[in-house]
Amino acid sequence: MIALLTLSIALAGQAPRDSMLVNTAWLADRLSDPKLVLFQVGERPEYERAHIPGAQFIEMRDVAAPRGPGLILELPAAARLDSALEARGVSDDSRIVLYWGSDWMSPTARVYLTLAWAGLGARVSILDGGLPAWRAEGRPVTTDVPTPKPGSLTIRPLSDIVVNATWVAQQLNDPHVAIVDARNPQFYDGRDTSHARPGHIPGARNLPFDEIVDSSGYFKSPAQLTELYRGAGGAPGKLLVAYCHIGQQASLVWFGARLLGYDARLYDGSFTEWTTLQQYPVERTP
């Protein structure tokens, strides 16, 4: 279990580390809190087999724009997100905790990012270690599915969460901006040719998303994360922009950056969009 580090953060909608990340003991003490809304992210069969008492199941498609002919996993319209969350009992005074069922760390971070974009960031946390940590401590699980009372929620989308391709293109030569590719190395260097134009955004450094957590599924310590982000060009005072294939894996890198108090954004269209825009260059590692 990693130590919690209190940080003073001036960014709109950003919560300090001890609010963004909670441990099993903290959650166990609050399971009976009527304002707690608990969501498990992952696969429904896994949720149905066992989940933390009171938890509801949520999928990324529940809090994303409907899939169409364009990009996958885009942020939803505010009204769509408002309806989805209210139906699950979320209100303006709710305290929301997200956790993964097995190894769904990046989808969980993506749900967190979506809720932060909606202006709920100060009241949303991720359970460090997820369900495996909960069960490893012998804490209770259930198959009972709760029926939430509809909530009343006000969505206030923030402008400091995501950026688009035009914005990224304008920052390529800005020394105060660190562009971070969260994909695995074979995609970053262009060995994998599944994208129309293999490689990465020029100037981007590689920080694979799965390095943010350790082998047990806990977020790495502040010192370990600082070292990782430093290697990718991130540092206090710089703006970090993360991207991946479709904006899911990079959500975990974005989350880790904000844990450290960094000013961070997500390029939501990510490399899938970038490679279709022929006016924007792609770099390939020799």
Protein backbone atom coordinates (compact mmCIF):
# COMPACT_ATOMS: atom_id res chain seq x y z
CA MET A 1 0.00 0.00 0.00
CA ILE A 2 1.47 3.30 -0.97
CA ALA A 3 1.75 6.19 1.40
CA LEU A 4 -0.61 9.07 0.82
CA LEU A 5 0.98 12.38 0.00
CA THR A 6 -0.91 15.62 0.55
CA LEU A 7 -0.25 18.12 -2.19
CA SER A 8 -1.40 21.69 -2.60
CA ILE A 9 -2.84 21.95 -6.11
CA ALA A 10 -4.21 25.04 -7.80
CA LEU A 11 -5.72 23.38 -10.87
CA ALA A 12 -9.49 23.67 -11.30
CA GLY A 13 -11.22 20.37 -10.65
CA GLN A 14 -8.11 18.59 -9.42
CA ALA A 15 -8.10 16.80 -6.11
CA PRO A 16 -5.08 16.17 -3.85
CA ARG A 17 -3.58 12.69 -3.78
CA ASP A 18 -5.31 11.64 -0.55
CA SER A 19 -8.63 12.35 -2.26
CA MET A 20 -7.78 10.83 -5.64
CA LEU A 21 -6.57 7.55 -4.18
CA VAL A 22 -8.03 5.74 -1.16
CA ASN A 23 -7.13 2.46 0.52
CA THR A 24 -9.21 -0.50 1.63
CA ALA A 25 -9.38 0.58 5.27
CA TRP A 26 -10.72 4.00 4.29
CA LEU A 27 -13.42 2.39 2.15
CA ALA A 28 -14.35 -0.25 4.75
CA ASP A 29 -15.01 2.51 7.29
CA ARG A 30 -17.45 4.21 4.91
CA LEU A 31 -19.41 1.37 3.30
CA SER A 32 -22.54 2.34 5.23
CA ASP A 33 -22.30 6.03 4.31
CA PRO A 34 -25.52 6.87 2.40
CA LYS A 35 -23.61 9.38 0.28
CA LEU A 36 -21.12 6.78 -0.95
CA VAL A 37 -21.54 5.59 -4.56
CA LEU A 38 -19.30 2.65 -5.36
CA PHE A 39 -18.61 1.44 -8.91
CA GLN A 40 -16.81 -1.68 -10.13
CA VAL A 41 -15.19 -1.36 -13.56
CA GLY A 42 -14.45 -4.46 -15.63
CA GLU A 43 -16.51 -7.34 -16.98
CA ARG A 44 -20.08 -7.98 -15.87
CA PRO A 45 -19.64 -11.75 -15.21
CA GLU A 46 -16.80 -10.92 -12.85
CA TYR A 47 -18.98 -8.40 -11.04
CA GLU A 48 -21.83 -10.90 -10.78
CA ARG A 49 -19.55 -13.52 -9.21
CA ALA A 50 -18.41 -11.20 -6.41
CA HIS A 51 -18.19 -7.51 -5.68
CA ILE A 52 -17.79 -5.17 -2.74
CA PRO A 53 -21.12 -4.76 -0.87
CA GLY A 54 -23.12 -1.87 -2.30
CA ALA A 55 -21.08 -1.62 -5.50
CA GLN A 56 -22.75 -1.14 -8.86
CA PHE A 57 -21.33 -2.30 -12.16
CA ILE A 58 -20.34 0.35 -14.68
CA GLU A 59 -18.90 0.07 -18.18
CA MET A 60 -16.96 2.68 -20.09
CA ARG A 61 -19.68 2.78 -22.73
CA ASP A 62 -22.09 3.90 -19.99
CA VAL A 63 -20.08 7.12 -19.61
CA ALA A 64 -18.84 7.63 -23.17
CA ALA A 65 -20.29 8.99 -26.38
CA PRO A 66 -22.25 6.40 -28.42
CA ARG A 67 -19.96 4.52 -30.76
CA GLY A 68 -20.39 5.62 -34.34
CA PRO A 69 -18.35 5.69 -37.56
CA GLY A 70 -15.75 8.05 -36.07
CA LEU A 71 -13.45 7.73 -33.08
CA ILE A 72 -13.92 5.23 -30.27
CA LEU A 73 -14.33 6.16 -26.60
CA GLU A 74 -14.94 9.90 -26.84
CA LEU A 75 -16.29 11.97 -23.98
CA PRO A 76 -20.10 12.01 -23.88
CA ALA A 77 -22.45 14.94 -24.09
CA ALA A 78 -23.01 16.43 -20.64
CA ALA A 79 -26.71 15.52 -20.73
CA ARG A 80 -25.94 11.87 -21.52
CA LEU A 81 -23.45 11.61 -18.67
CA ASP A 82 -25.80 13.40 -16.29
CA SER A 83 -28.59 10.91 -17.02
CA ALA A 84 -26.31 7.88 -16.72
CA LEU A 85 -24.95 8.97 -13.33
CA GLU A 86 -28.27 10.12 -11.88
CA ALA A 87 -29.79 6.74 -12.77
CA ARG A 88 -27.04 5.17 -10.67
CA GLY A 89 -27.74 7.32 -7.65
CA VAL A 90 -25.11 10.02 -8.10
CA SER A 91 -26.04 13.42 -6.67
CA ASP A 92 -24.22 16.68 -6.10
CA ASP A 93 -23.23 15.56 -2.59
CA SER A 94 -22.17 12.00 -3.49
CA ARG A 95 -18.74 10.59 -2.68
CA ILE A 96 -17.77 8.31 -5.58
CA VAL A 97 -15.23 5.49 -5.40
CA LEU A 98 -14.14 3.48 -8.43
CA TYR A 99 -12.33 0.16 -8.39
CA TRP A 100 -11.33 -2.50 -10.89
CA GLY A 101 -12.35 -6.13 -10.75
CA SER A 102 -9.11 -7.75 -11.86
CA ASP A 103 -6.61 -5.80 -13.94
CA TRP A 104 -8.82 -3.12 -15.46
CA MET A 105 -6.67 -0.26 -14.28
CA SER A 106 -6.75 1.88 -17.41
CA PRO A 107 -10.56 1.61 -17.93
CA THR A 108 -11.01 2.62 -14.29
CA ALA A 109 -8.73 5.62 -14.83
CA ARG A 110 -10.74 6.49 -17.94
CA VAL A 111 -13.98 6.53 -15.93
CA TYR A 112 -12.23 8.72 -13.34
CA LEU A 113 -11.07 11.11 -16.06
CA THR A 114 -14.61 11.35 -17.44
CA LEU A 115 -16.01 12.22 -14.03
CA ALA A 116 -13.22 14.74 -13.46
CA TRP A 117 -14.06 16.32 -16.83
CA ALA A 118 -17.65 16.59 -15.59
CA GLY A 119 -16.47 18.66 -12.62
CA LEU A 120 -16.73 15.87 -10.03
CA GLY A 121 -13.00 15.34 -9.52
CA ALA A 122 -12.88 16.58 -5.93
CA ARG A 123 -15.41 13.90 -4.93
CA VAL A 124 -14.11 10.90 -6.91
CA SER A 125 -11.43 8.42 -5.87
CA ILE A 126 -9.89 5.18 -7.07
CA LEU A 127 -9.45 2.30 -4.64
CA ASP A 128 -5.74 1.48 -4.61
CA GLY A 129 -5.26 -2.19 -5.50
CA GLY A 130 -8.86 -2.64 -6.59
CA LEU A 131 -10.96 -5.68 -5.76
CA PRO A 132 -7.90 -7.99 -5.51
CA ALA A 133 -6.55 -5.88 -2.63
CA TRP A 134 -9.95 -5.91 -0.92
CA ARG A 135 -10.28 -9.68 -1.20
CA ALA A 136 -6.66 -10.34 -0.20
CA GLU A 137 -7.44 -8.75 3.17
CA GLY A 138 -10.43 -11.03 3.70
CA ARG A 139 -12.94 -8.20 3.43
CA PRO A 140 -16.56 -9.06 2.54
CA VAL A 141 -17.88 -9.52 -0.98
CA THR A 142 -21.39 -10.24 -2.19
CA THR A 143 -23.48 -11.18 -5.21
CA ASP A 144 -26.33 -8.86 -4.19
CA VAL A 145 -27.02 -6.16 -6.78
CA PRO A 146 -28.18 -2.86 -5.24
CA THR A 147 -31.08 -0.84 -6.60
CA PRO A 148 -30.01 2.81 -6.31
CA LYS A 149 -32.37 5.66 -5.68
CA PRO A 150 -32.10 8.16 -8.58
CA GLY A 151 -29.85 11.07 -7.83
CA SER A 152 -29.83 14.76 -8.69
CA LEU A 153 -26.62 15.90 -10.33
CA THR A 154 -25.26 19.04 -11.95
CA ILE A 155 -22.60 18.48 -14.63
CA ARG A 156 -20.09 21.31 -15.08
CA PRO A 157 -17.58 20.27 -17.78
CA LEU A 158 -14.04 21.55 -17.29
CA SER A 159 -11.63 22.80 -19.93
CA ASP A 160 -8.40 21.57 -18.28
CA ILE A 161 -8.86 17.83 -18.84
CA VAL A 162 -8.65 17.05 -22.58
CA VAL A 163 -7.11 18.63 -25.67
CA ASN A 164 -7.56 18.06 -29.41
CA ALA A 165 -5.22 17.40 -32.34
CA THR A 166 -4.95 21.06 -33.34
CA TRP A 167 -3.86 22.01 -29.84
CA VAL A 168 -1.26 19.22 -29.73
CA ALA A 169 0.13 20.21 -33.15
CA GLN A 170 0.60 23.78 -31.95
CA GLN A 171 2.67 22.63 -28.94
CA LEU A 172 5.11 20.28 -30.68
CA ASN A 173 8.05 22.66 -30.27
CA ASP A 174 7.09 24.11 -26.90
CA PRO A 175 9.77 23.22 -24.30
CA HIS A 176 7.22 23.73 -21.53
CA VAL A 177 5.01 20.90 -22.85
CA ALA A 178 5.89 17.22 -22.43
CA ILE A 179 4.02 14.92 -24.82
CA VAL A 180 3.90 11.37 -23.48
CA ASP A 181 3.02 8.26 -25.47
CA ALA A 182 1.36 5.76 -23.10
CA ARG A 183 1.37 2.81 -25.50
CA ASN A 184 3.65 -0.19 -25.27
CA PRO A 185 7.10 0.29 -26.88
CA GLN A 186 6.41 -1.68 -30.09
CA PHE A 187 3.69 0.82 -30.99
CA TYR A 188 5.75 3.85 -29.98
CA ASP A 189 8.79 2.95 -32.07
CA GLY A 190 6.77 1.78 -35.07
CA ARG A 191 7.60 -1.93 -35.01
CA ASP A 192 3.90 -2.65 -34.77
CA THR A 193 2.31 -1.49 -38.01
CA SER A 194 -1.37 -1.75 -37.08
CA HIS A 195 -1.80 2.03 -37.36
CA ALA A 196 -2.04 3.64 -40.80
CA ARG A 197 1.18 5.52 -40.07
CA PRO A 198 3.28 3.61 -37.49
CA GLY A 199 5.36 5.50 -34.96
CA HIS A 200 4.58 8.33 -32.58
CA ILE A 201 3.85 12.04 -32.40
CA PRO A 202 7.11 13.96 -32.99
CA GLY A 203 8.94 14.74 -29.78
CA ALA A 204 6.82 12.41 -27.66
CA ARG A 205 8.55 10.20 -25.11
CA ASN A 206 7.36 6.74 -24.17
CA LEU A 207 5.91 5.90 -20.75
CA PRO A 208 3.91 2.65 -21.07
CA PHE A 209 0.70 2.84 -19.09
CA ASP A 210 1.29 -0.42 -17.23
CA GLU A 211 4.37 1.00 -15.51
CA ILE A 212 2.20 3.28 -13.35
CA VAL A 213 1.16 0.39 -11.10
CA ASP A 214 3.28 -2.35 -9.55
CA SER A 215 2.96 -6.10 -10.05
CA SER A 216 0.37 -6.31 -7.24
CA GLY A 217 -1.88 -3.68 -8.78
CA TYR A 218 -1.04 -0.82 -6.43
CA PHE A 219 -0.01 2.59 -7.69
CA LYS A 220 3.72 3.08 -7.37
CA SER A 221 5.13 5.35 -4.70
CA PRO A 222 5.48 9.09 -5.28
CA ALA A 223 9.26 8.69 -5.59
CA GLN A 224 8.91 5.90 -8.17
CA LEU A 225 6.33 7.83 -10.17
CA THR A 226 8.43 10.98 -10.10
CA GLU A 227 11.34 9.04 -11.59
CA LEU A 228 9.14 7.54 -14.31
CA TYR A 229 7.67 10.86 -15.33
CA ARG A 230 11.03 12.59 -15.24
CA GLY A 231 12.27 10.03 -17.75
CA ALA A 232 9.33 10.91 -19.98
CA GLY A 233 10.01 14.65 -19.78
CA GLY A 234 7.46 15.42 -17.09
CA ALA A 235 8.27 17.76 -14.22
CA PRO A 236 6.58 20.29 -11.95
CA GLY A 237 5.94 23.46 -13.89
CA LYS A 238 5.58 21.67 -17.24
CA LEU A 239 2.32 20.73 -18.91
CA LEU A 240 2.13 17.00 -19.57
CA VAL A 241 -0.07 15.71 -22.40
CA ALA A 242 -0.69 11.96 -22.58
CA TYR A 243 -2.03 9.97 -25.53
CA CYS A 244 -2.30 6.32 -26.55
CA HIS A 245 -4.40 4.46 -29.15
CA ILE A 246 -7.90 5.72 -28.30
CA GLY A 247 -7.53 7.59 -25.00
CA GLN A 248 -7.95 4.71 -22.55
CA GLN A 249 -4.42 3.61 -21.64
CA ALA A 250 -3.27 7.22 -21.51
CA SER A 251 -5.91 7.92 -18.86
CA LEU A 252 -3.77 5.95 -16.41
CA VAL A 253 -0.68 8.03 -17.26
CA TRP A 254 -2.80 11.19 -16.92
CA PHE A 255 -4.05 9.98 -13.53
CA GLY A 256 -0.53 9.23 -12.32
CA ALA A 257 0.64 12.68 -13.39
CA ARG A 258 -2.14 14.35 -11.47
CA LEU A 259 -1.37 12.21 -8.44
CA LEU A 260 2.00 13.94 -8.46
CA GLY A 261 0.36 17.34 -8.76
CA TYR A 262 1.44 17.87 -12.36
CA ASP A 263 -0.59 19.95 -14.76
CA ALA A 264 -1.77 17.23 -17.15
CA ARG A 265 -4.13 16.80 -20.10
CA LEU A 266 -5.30 13.90 -22.24
CA TYR A 267 -5.28 14.03 -26.03
CA ASP A 268 -8.62 12.27 -26.40
CA GLY A 269 -8.45 11.45 -30.11
CA SER A 270 -4.97 9.99 -29.51
CA PHE A 271 -2.92 8.23 -32.18
CA THR A 272 -5.93 6.75 -33.95
CA GLU A 273 -7.04 10.25 -34.85
CA TRP A 274 -3.54 11.70 -35.36
CA THR A 275 -2.62 9.16 -38.05
CA THR A 276 -5.71 10.03 -40.10
CA LEU A 277 -4.77 13.72 -40.20
CA GLN A 278 -2.22 13.79 -42.99
CA GLN A 279 -1.18 17.37 -42.24
CA TYR A 280 0.34 16.25 -38.94
CA PRO A 281 3.73 14.45 -38.91
CA VAL A 282 4.58 11.05 -37.46
CA GLU A 283 8.00 10.08 -36.17
CA ARG A 284 9.42 6.57 -36.29
CA THR A 285 12.29 5.33 -34.11
CA PRO A 286 15.15 3.87 -36.21
